[in-house]
């Protein structure tokens, strides 16, 4: 990652009881934070058995919650959609192709998880796969739907 060029200014002295004054360098602090984030992501990838996450989005409408995940080239029988408690889990595996030249894409196991709101009707969840996009529709219960209240008087 390319960082902006460092600009030298008069140092802002920070004093502490344990040592002499030192200046604050935001670029060094940013680099340290970037390194820590990289280590966290590496640890997360190792702990999840190297599963990757598909590109996904969630949307709330007046009637339901929609979850869309990009899963190009997969068939319905290669995708698992499960609900456990209030957690929606979309998983599967993309096998490597053995045919000639192809576009590079991720292969191996994938997992996408999201927590569903308490007003989701888990008994009426529906899924549809079309044009490489999996759409999971989770309807809202009657109590969760918004409705217009008339004003009297």
N, C-alpha and C. Protein backbone atom coordinates (compact mmCIF):
# COMPACT_ATOMS: atom_id res chain seq x y z
N UNK A 1 0.85 -1.17 0.00
CA UNK A 1 0.00 0.00 0.00
C UNK A 1 0.89 1.22 0.00
N UNK A 2 0.61 2.14 -0.86
CA UNK A 2 1.38 3.36 -0.93
C UNK A 2 0.85 4.36 0.08
N UNK A 3 1.73 4.86 0.90
CA UNK A 3 1.34 5.85 1.89
C UNK A 3 1.72 7.23 1.40
N UNK A 4 1.03 8.28 1.84
CA UNK A 4 1.40 9.63 1.44
C UNK A 4 2.80 9.98 1.94
N UNK A 5 3.43 10.90 1.26
CA UNK A 5 4.77 11.33 1.64
C UNK A 5 4.72 11.99 3.01
N UNK A 6 5.75 11.74 3.80
CA UNK A 6 5.82 12.34 5.13
C UNK A 6 6.16 13.82 5.02
N UNK A 7 5.52 14.60 5.82
CA UNK A 7 5.79 16.03 5.88
C UNK A 7 6.40 16.31 7.26
N UNK A 8 7.48 17.04 7.26
CA UNK A 8 8.15 17.33 8.52
C UNK A 8 7.70 18.70 9.02
N UNK A 9 7.26 18.73 10.25
CA UNK A 9 6.84 19.95 10.90
C UNK A 9 7.55 20.03 12.24
N UNK A 10 7.37 21.14 12.87
CA UNK A 10 7.93 21.26 14.21
C UNK A 10 7.25 20.24 15.10
N UNK A 11 8.01 19.43 15.81
CA UNK A 11 7.41 18.38 16.65
C UNK A 11 6.57 18.96 17.78
N UNK A 12 5.48 18.29 18.06
CA UNK A 12 4.64 18.67 19.19
C UNK A 12 5.12 17.85 20.38
N UNK A 13 5.77 18.45 21.33
CA UNK A 13 6.36 17.67 22.42
C UNK A 13 5.30 17.07 23.33
N UNK A 14 5.52 15.81 23.66
CA UNK A 14 4.69 15.11 24.63
C UNK A 14 5.62 14.75 25.77
N UNK A 15 5.25 15.08 26.91
CA UNK A 15 6.11 14.76 28.04
C UNK A 15 5.46 13.65 28.85
N UNK A 16 6.30 12.86 29.45
CA UNK A 16 5.80 11.82 30.33
C UNK A 16 6.72 11.74 31.52
N UNK A 17 6.23 11.16 32.58
CA UNK A 17 7.02 11.06 33.79
C UNK A 17 8.18 10.10 33.62
N UNK A 18 8.06 9.17 32.67
CA UNK A 18 9.09 8.14 32.52
C UNK A 18 10.22 8.52 31.58
N UNK A 19 10.07 9.57 30.79
CA UNK A 19 11.13 9.86 29.84
C UNK A 19 11.05 11.24 29.24
N UNK A 20 11.94 11.50 28.28
CA UNK A 20 11.98 12.81 27.64
C UNK A 20 10.80 13.01 26.70
N UNK A 21 10.67 14.23 26.22
CA UNK A 21 9.59 14.58 25.30
C UNK A 21 9.78 13.85 23.98
N UNK A 22 8.65 13.45 23.35
CA UNK A 22 8.69 12.80 22.05
C UNK A 22 7.60 13.41 21.18
N UNK A 23 7.76 13.29 19.87
CA UNK A 23 6.76 13.86 18.98
C UNK A 23 5.83 12.77 18.48
N UNK A 24 4.61 13.14 18.14
CA UNK A 24 3.61 12.21 17.64
C UNK A 24 3.70 12.16 16.13
N UNK A 25 3.84 10.98 15.59
CA UNK A 25 3.93 10.81 14.14
C UNK A 25 2.71 10.01 13.68
N UNK A 26 1.72 10.65 13.04
CA UNK A 26 0.51 9.93 12.64
C UNK A 26 0.77 8.84 11.62
N UNK A 27 1.80 9.00 10.78
CA UNK A 27 2.07 7.99 9.76
C UNK A 27 2.61 6.71 10.38
N UNK A 28 3.46 6.84 11.38
CA UNK A 28 3.97 5.66 12.08
C UNK A 28 2.84 4.96 12.81
N UNK A 29 1.97 5.74 13.44
CA UNK A 29 0.85 5.15 14.15
C UNK A 29 -0.09 4.43 13.18
N UNK A 30 -0.33 5.02 12.02
CA UNK A 30 -1.18 4.38 11.01
C UNK A 30 -0.54 3.09 10.52
N UNK A 31 0.77 3.09 10.28
CA UNK A 31 1.46 1.88 9.81
C UNK A 31 1.37 0.77 10.86
N UNK A 32 1.50 1.11 12.13
CA UNK A 32 1.39 0.11 13.19
C UNK A 32 -0.03 -0.46 13.24
N UNK A 33 -1.03 0.40 13.10
CA UNK A 33 -2.42 -0.05 13.09
C UNK A 33 -2.68 -0.95 11.89
N UNK A 34 -2.16 -0.58 10.73
CA UNK A 34 -2.32 -1.38 9.50
C UNK A 34 -1.71 -2.78 9.69
N UNK A 35 -0.52 -2.84 10.30
CA UNK A 35 0.14 -4.13 10.55
C UNK A 35 -0.68 -4.99 11.52
N UNK A 36 -1.23 -4.38 12.56
CA UNK A 36 -2.05 -5.12 13.52
C UNK A 36 -3.31 -5.68 12.85
N UNK A 37 -3.94 -4.88 11.99
CA UNK A 37 -5.14 -5.35 11.29
C UNK A 37 -4.79 -6.52 10.38
N UNK A 38 -3.66 -6.45 9.69
CA UNK A 38 -3.23 -7.55 8.83
C UNK A 38 -3.04 -8.83 9.62
N UNK A 39 -2.44 -8.73 10.80
CA UNK A 39 -2.25 -9.93 11.63
C UNK A 39 -3.58 -10.50 12.08
N UNK A 40 -4.55 -9.62 12.43
CA UNK A 40 -5.87 -10.10 12.84
C UNK A 40 -6.58 -10.83 11.71
N UNK A 41 -6.51 -10.29 10.48
CA UNK A 41 -7.16 -10.94 9.35
C UNK A 41 -6.51 -12.28 9.05
N UNK A 42 -5.20 -12.37 9.17
CA UNK A 42 -4.50 -13.64 8.94
C UNK A 42 -4.94 -14.67 9.96
N UNK A 43 -5.06 -14.28 11.23
CA UNK A 43 -5.50 -15.20 12.27
C UNK A 43 -6.93 -15.66 12.01
N UNK A 44 -7.79 -14.73 11.57
CA UNK A 44 -9.18 -15.07 11.29
C UNK A 44 -9.30 -16.06 10.16
N UNK A 45 -8.48 -15.91 9.12
CA UNK A 45 -8.53 -16.83 7.98
C UNK A 45 -8.06 -18.22 8.38
N UNK A 46 -7.06 -18.31 9.24
CA UNK A 46 -6.57 -19.61 9.68
C UNK A 46 -7.59 -20.31 10.56
N UNK A 47 -8.30 -19.56 11.40
CA UNK A 47 -9.24 -20.18 12.32
C UNK A 47 -10.52 -20.63 11.64
N UNK A 48 -10.85 -20.11 10.48
CA UNK A 48 -12.09 -20.46 9.79
C UNK A 48 -11.83 -21.47 8.69
N UNK A 49 -10.81 -22.30 8.84
CA UNK A 49 -10.42 -23.33 7.89
C UNK A 49 -10.32 -22.79 6.47
N UNK A 50 -9.77 -21.61 6.34
CA UNK A 50 -9.49 -20.98 5.05
C UNK A 50 -10.74 -20.79 4.19
N UNK A 51 -11.91 -20.65 4.80
CA UNK A 51 -13.13 -20.38 4.05
C UNK A 51 -13.16 -18.90 3.68
N UNK A 52 -13.66 -18.61 2.50
CA UNK A 52 -13.78 -17.22 2.06
C UNK A 52 -15.24 -16.81 2.09
N UNK A 53 -15.47 -15.50 2.09
CA UNK A 53 -16.82 -14.94 2.13
C UNK A 53 -17.20 -14.41 0.77
N UNK A 54 -18.35 -14.82 0.24
CA UNK A 54 -18.80 -14.24 -1.02
C UNK A 54 -19.26 -12.79 -0.81
N UNK A 55 -19.26 -12.03 -1.88
CA UNK A 55 -19.78 -10.67 -1.82
C UNK A 55 -21.28 -10.77 -1.57
N UNK A 56 -21.76 -10.10 -0.53
CA UNK A 56 -23.17 -10.19 -0.17
C UNK A 56 -23.67 -8.85 0.33
N UNK A 57 -24.98 -8.66 0.23
CA UNK A 57 -25.61 -7.45 0.73
C UNK A 57 -26.94 -7.81 1.36
N UNK A 58 -27.37 -6.99 2.31
CA UNK A 58 -28.67 -7.19 2.94
C UNK A 58 -29.51 -5.94 2.71
N UNK A 59 -30.80 -6.15 2.64
CA UNK A 59 -31.73 -5.03 2.40
C UNK A 59 -33.00 -5.31 3.18
N UNK A 60 -33.57 -4.25 3.73
CA UNK A 60 -34.84 -4.37 4.44
C UNK A 60 -35.92 -3.66 3.64
N UNK A 61 -37.01 -4.36 3.37
CA UNK A 61 -38.18 -3.75 2.74
C UNK A 61 -39.30 -3.73 3.78
N UNK A 62 -40.45 -3.20 3.40
CA UNK A 62 -41.57 -3.14 4.33
C UNK A 62 -42.08 -4.53 4.69
N UNK A 63 -41.91 -5.49 3.80
CA UNK A 63 -42.46 -6.83 4.00
C UNK A 63 -41.44 -7.88 4.42
N UNK A 64 -40.15 -7.67 4.10
CA UNK A 64 -39.17 -8.75 4.32
C UNK A 64 -37.75 -8.21 4.40
N UNK A 65 -36.84 -9.10 4.79
CA UNK A 65 -35.41 -8.85 4.73
C UNK A 65 -34.87 -9.65 3.56
N UNK A 66 -34.01 -9.05 2.75
CA UNK A 66 -33.43 -9.73 1.60
C UNK A 66 -31.92 -9.83 1.80
N UNK A 67 -31.38 -11.01 1.52
CA UNK A 67 -29.94 -11.23 1.54
C UNK A 67 -29.57 -11.71 0.15
N UNK A 68 -28.65 -10.99 -0.52
CA UNK A 68 -28.19 -11.37 -1.85
C UNK A 68 -26.71 -11.68 -1.79
N UNK A 69 -26.32 -12.82 -2.35
CA UNK A 69 -24.90 -13.22 -2.37
C UNK A 69 -24.51 -13.59 -3.79
N UNK A 70 -23.33 -13.09 -4.22
CA UNK A 70 -22.83 -13.41 -5.56
C UNK A 70 -22.14 -14.77 -5.52
N UNK A 71 -22.69 -15.73 -6.26
CA UNK A 71 -22.13 -17.08 -6.33
C UNK A 71 -22.14 -17.55 -7.79
N UNK A 72 -21.32 -16.92 -8.64
CA UNK A 72 -21.36 -17.25 -10.06
C UNK A 72 -20.88 -18.66 -10.33
N UNK A 73 -21.55 -19.31 -11.27
CA UNK A 73 -21.14 -20.63 -11.72
C UNK A 73 -21.56 -21.77 -10.82
N UNK A 74 -22.27 -21.51 -9.74
CA UNK A 74 -22.69 -22.59 -8.84
C UNK A 74 -24.12 -23.01 -9.14
N UNK A 75 -24.39 -24.30 -8.93
CA UNK A 75 -25.74 -24.84 -9.08
C UNK A 75 -26.41 -24.88 -7.71
N UNK A 76 -27.73 -25.04 -7.72
CA UNK A 76 -28.49 -25.07 -6.47
C UNK A 76 -27.99 -26.15 -5.51
N UNK A 77 -27.63 -27.33 -6.04
CA UNK A 77 -27.21 -28.42 -5.16
C UNK A 77 -25.81 -28.23 -4.58
N UNK A 78 -25.10 -27.19 -5.00
CA UNK A 78 -23.76 -26.90 -4.46
C UNK A 78 -23.78 -25.85 -3.35
N UNK A 79 -24.98 -25.33 -3.02
CA UNK A 79 -25.13 -24.27 -2.03
C UNK A 79 -26.01 -24.78 -0.90
N UNK A 80 -25.57 -24.54 0.34
CA UNK A 80 -26.34 -24.90 1.53
C UNK A 80 -26.84 -23.62 2.20
N UNK A 81 -28.14 -23.55 2.46
CA UNK A 81 -28.73 -22.42 3.19
C UNK A 81 -29.38 -23.00 4.43
N UNK A 82 -28.91 -22.55 5.60
CA UNK A 82 -29.42 -23.09 6.86
C UNK A 82 -29.72 -21.96 7.83
N UNK A 83 -30.67 -22.21 8.72
CA UNK A 83 -30.98 -21.28 9.80
C UNK A 83 -30.85 -22.06 11.10
N UNK A 84 -30.02 -21.52 12.00
CA UNK A 84 -29.87 -22.13 13.32
C UNK A 84 -30.08 -21.03 14.35
N UNK A 85 -31.13 -21.15 15.12
CA UNK A 85 -31.49 -20.06 16.03
C UNK A 85 -31.92 -18.87 15.19
N UNK A 86 -31.24 -17.74 15.35
CA UNK A 86 -31.55 -16.56 14.52
C UNK A 86 -30.39 -16.25 13.57
N UNK A 87 -29.54 -17.24 13.28
CA UNK A 87 -28.40 -17.03 12.38
C UNK A 87 -28.65 -17.72 11.03
N UNK A 88 -28.51 -16.93 9.96
CA UNK A 88 -28.61 -17.45 8.60
C UNK A 88 -27.21 -17.77 8.12
N UNK A 89 -27.02 -18.97 7.57
CA UNK A 89 -25.70 -19.40 7.10
C UNK A 89 -25.83 -19.91 5.66
N UNK A 90 -25.06 -19.30 4.76
CA UNK A 90 -24.97 -19.73 3.37
C UNK A 90 -23.57 -20.28 3.19
N UNK A 91 -23.45 -21.54 2.76
CA UNK A 91 -22.14 -22.17 2.62
C UNK A 91 -22.10 -23.08 1.41
N UNK A 92 -20.92 -23.52 1.09
CA UNK A 92 -20.72 -24.43 -0.03
C UNK A 92 -19.26 -24.50 -0.39
N UNK A 93 -18.99 -25.02 -1.58
CA UNK A 93 -17.61 -25.13 -2.03
C UNK A 93 -17.56 -24.97 -3.55
N UNK A 94 -16.58 -24.19 -4.00
CA UNK A 94 -16.35 -23.98 -5.42
C UNK A 94 -15.17 -24.85 -5.81
N UNK A 95 -15.41 -25.81 -6.71
CA UNK A 95 -14.34 -26.70 -7.15
C UNK A 95 -13.53 -26.05 -8.25
N UNK A 96 -12.26 -26.41 -8.34
CA UNK A 96 -11.40 -25.90 -9.41
C UNK A 96 -11.81 -26.56 -10.72
N UNK A 97 -11.78 -25.77 -11.80
CA UNK A 97 -12.12 -26.29 -13.12
C UNK A 97 -10.87 -26.83 -13.78
N UNK A 98 -11.03 -27.88 -14.56
CA UNK A 98 -9.90 -28.50 -15.24
C UNK A 98 -9.84 -28.13 -16.72
N UNK A 99 -10.77 -27.27 -17.17
CA UNK A 99 -10.81 -26.91 -18.59
C UNK A 99 -9.84 -25.78 -18.90
N UNK A 100 -9.39 -25.68 -20.11
CA UNK A 100 -8.49 -24.67 -20.65
C UNK A 100 -8.52 -23.31 -20.00
N UNK A 101 -8.30 -22.24 -20.76
CA UNK A 101 -8.23 -20.91 -20.18
C UNK A 101 -9.57 -20.49 -19.56
N UNK A 102 -9.49 -19.84 -18.44
CA UNK A 102 -10.70 -19.39 -17.74
C UNK A 102 -10.37 -18.15 -16.94
N UNK A 103 -11.40 -17.50 -16.49
CA UNK A 103 -11.21 -16.36 -15.60
C UNK A 103 -10.79 -16.86 -14.24
N UNK A 104 -9.93 -16.13 -13.58
CA UNK A 104 -9.52 -16.51 -12.24
C UNK A 104 -10.64 -16.18 -11.27
N UNK A 105 -10.94 -17.11 -10.41
CA UNK A 105 -11.93 -16.88 -9.36
C UNK A 105 -11.57 -17.72 -8.16
N UNK A 106 -12.16 -17.39 -7.06
CA UNK A 106 -11.87 -18.10 -5.82
C UNK A 106 -12.39 -19.52 -5.90
N UNK A 107 -11.65 -20.41 -5.27
CA UNK A 107 -12.08 -21.80 -5.18
C UNK A 107 -11.98 -22.22 -3.72
N UNK A 108 -12.62 -23.33 -3.41
CA UNK A 108 -12.61 -23.83 -2.04
C UNK A 108 -13.91 -23.52 -1.32
N UNK A 109 -13.90 -23.78 -0.03
CA UNK A 109 -15.10 -23.60 0.80
C UNK A 109 -15.39 -22.11 1.01
N UNK A 110 -16.68 -21.78 1.07
CA UNK A 110 -17.10 -20.42 1.39
C UNK A 110 -18.19 -20.46 2.45
N UNK A 111 -18.27 -19.39 3.24
CA UNK A 111 -19.28 -19.28 4.29
C UNK A 111 -19.69 -17.82 4.40
N UNK A 112 -21.00 -17.57 4.46
CA UNK A 112 -21.53 -16.24 4.75
C UNK A 112 -22.53 -16.40 5.89
N UNK A 113 -22.35 -15.64 6.96
CA UNK A 113 -23.25 -15.72 8.11
C UNK A 113 -23.78 -14.33 8.43
N UNK A 114 -25.04 -14.29 8.85
CA UNK A 114 -25.62 -13.04 9.31
C UNK A 114 -26.67 -13.35 10.37
N UNK A 115 -26.85 -12.43 11.28
CA UNK A 115 -27.84 -12.57 12.34
C UNK A 115 -29.15 -11.95 11.85
N UNK A 116 -30.23 -12.70 11.97
CA UNK A 116 -31.54 -12.21 11.55
C UNK A 116 -32.22 -11.49 12.70
N UNK A 117 -32.97 -10.41 12.40
CA UNK A 117 -33.68 -9.66 13.45
C UNK A 117 -34.75 -10.52 14.12
N UNK A 118 -35.18 -10.09 15.29
CA UNK A 118 -36.16 -10.88 16.06
C UNK A 118 -37.54 -10.92 15.40
N UNK A 119 -37.84 -9.98 14.50
CA UNK A 119 -39.16 -9.98 13.86
C UNK A 119 -39.16 -10.76 12.54
N UNK A 120 -38.12 -11.55 12.27
CA UNK A 120 -38.07 -12.36 11.05
C UNK A 120 -38.90 -13.62 11.23
N UNK A 121 -39.68 -13.98 10.22
CA UNK A 121 -40.50 -15.18 10.24
C UNK A 121 -39.67 -16.33 9.67
N UNK A 122 -39.01 -17.09 10.54
CA UNK A 122 -38.05 -18.11 10.13
C UNK A 122 -38.71 -19.32 9.46
N UNK A 123 -40.02 -19.48 9.61
CA UNK A 123 -40.72 -20.62 9.01
C UNK A 123 -41.07 -20.39 7.55
N UNK A 124 -40.94 -19.17 7.05
CA UNK A 124 -41.36 -18.86 5.67
C UNK A 124 -40.21 -18.33 4.82
N UNK A 125 -38.98 -18.73 5.12
CA UNK A 125 -37.82 -18.27 4.36
C UNK A 125 -37.83 -18.93 2.98
N UNK A 126 -37.52 -18.14 1.95
CA UNK A 126 -37.46 -18.66 0.59
C UNK A 126 -36.15 -18.26 -0.07
N UNK A 127 -35.65 -19.12 -0.97
CA UNK A 127 -34.39 -18.86 -1.68
C UNK A 127 -34.60 -18.99 -3.18
N UNK A 128 -33.82 -18.21 -3.91
CA UNK A 128 -33.88 -18.26 -5.37
C UNK A 128 -32.48 -18.01 -5.91
N UNK A 129 -32.07 -18.78 -6.91
CA UNK A 129 -30.77 -18.62 -7.53
C UNK A 129 -30.98 -18.27 -9.00
N UNK A 130 -30.47 -17.12 -9.40
CA UNK A 130 -30.61 -16.69 -10.77
C UNK A 130 -29.47 -15.80 -11.20
N UNK A 131 -28.88 -16.08 -12.34
CA UNK A 131 -27.79 -15.29 -12.90
C UNK A 131 -26.61 -15.16 -11.94
N UNK A 132 -26.33 -16.22 -11.18
CA UNK A 132 -25.18 -16.22 -10.27
C UNK A 132 -25.40 -15.46 -8.98
N UNK A 133 -26.65 -15.07 -8.70
CA UNK A 133 -26.95 -14.35 -7.47
C UNK A 133 -27.99 -15.15 -6.68
N UNK A 134 -27.61 -15.51 -5.45
CA UNK A 134 -28.53 -16.19 -4.55
C UNK A 134 -29.29 -15.13 -3.77
N UNK A 135 -30.63 -15.18 -3.80
CA UNK A 135 -31.46 -14.24 -3.06
C UNK A 135 -32.23 -15.02 -2.01
N UNK A 136 -32.02 -14.67 -0.75
CA UNK A 136 -32.75 -15.28 0.36
C UNK A 136 -33.74 -14.24 0.87
N UNK A 137 -35.02 -14.60 0.85
CA UNK A 137 -36.08 -13.69 1.29
C UNK A 137 -36.61 -14.18 2.63
N UNK A 138 -36.48 -13.33 3.65
CA UNK A 138 -36.94 -13.66 5.00
C UNK A 138 -38.08 -12.70 5.33
N UNK A 139 -39.34 -13.20 5.29
CA UNK A 139 -40.47 -12.31 5.56
C UNK A 139 -40.49 -11.85 7.02
N UNK A 140 -41.12 -10.71 7.23
CA UNK A 140 -41.29 -10.20 8.59
C UNK A 140 -42.59 -10.76 9.17
N UNK A 141 -42.64 -10.89 10.48
CA UNK A 141 -43.88 -11.29 11.13
C UNK A 141 -44.84 -10.10 11.10
N UNK A 142 -46.10 -10.36 11.41
CA UNK A 142 -47.10 -9.28 11.41
C UNK A 142 -46.71 -8.17 12.38
N UNK A 143 -46.15 -8.54 13.54
CA UNK A 143 -45.77 -7.53 14.52
C UNK A 143 -44.62 -6.66 14.01
N UNK A 144 -43.78 -7.20 13.14
CA UNK A 144 -42.62 -6.47 12.66
C UNK A 144 -42.90 -5.55 11.48
N UNK A 145 -44.03 -5.74 10.82
CA UNK A 145 -44.35 -4.92 9.64
C UNK A 145 -44.83 -3.54 10.07
N UNK A 146 -44.40 -2.56 9.33
CA UNK A 146 -44.86 -1.20 9.63
C UNK A 146 -46.26 -1.03 9.05
N UNK A 147 -47.05 -0.24 9.74
CA UNK A 147 -48.40 0.03 9.27
C UNK A 147 -48.76 1.46 9.62
N UNK A 148 -49.66 2.01 8.84
CA UNK A 148 -50.06 3.40 9.04
C UNK A 148 -51.17 3.44 10.09
N UNK A 149 -51.03 4.38 11.01
CA UNK A 149 -52.02 4.56 12.08
C UNK A 149 -52.82 5.82 11.77
N UNK A 150 -54.14 5.69 11.75
CA UNK A 150 -54.96 6.87 11.45
C UNK A 150 -55.10 7.74 12.70
N UNK A 151 -55.16 9.03 12.46
CA UNK A 151 -55.28 10.00 13.56
C UNK A 151 -56.74 10.43 13.65
N UNK A 152 -57.29 10.32 14.83
CA UNK A 152 -58.69 10.70 15.04
C UNK A 152 -58.77 12.10 15.61
N UNK A 153 -59.90 12.74 15.36
CA UNK A 153 -60.15 14.01 16.00
C UNK A 153 -60.13 15.17 15.15
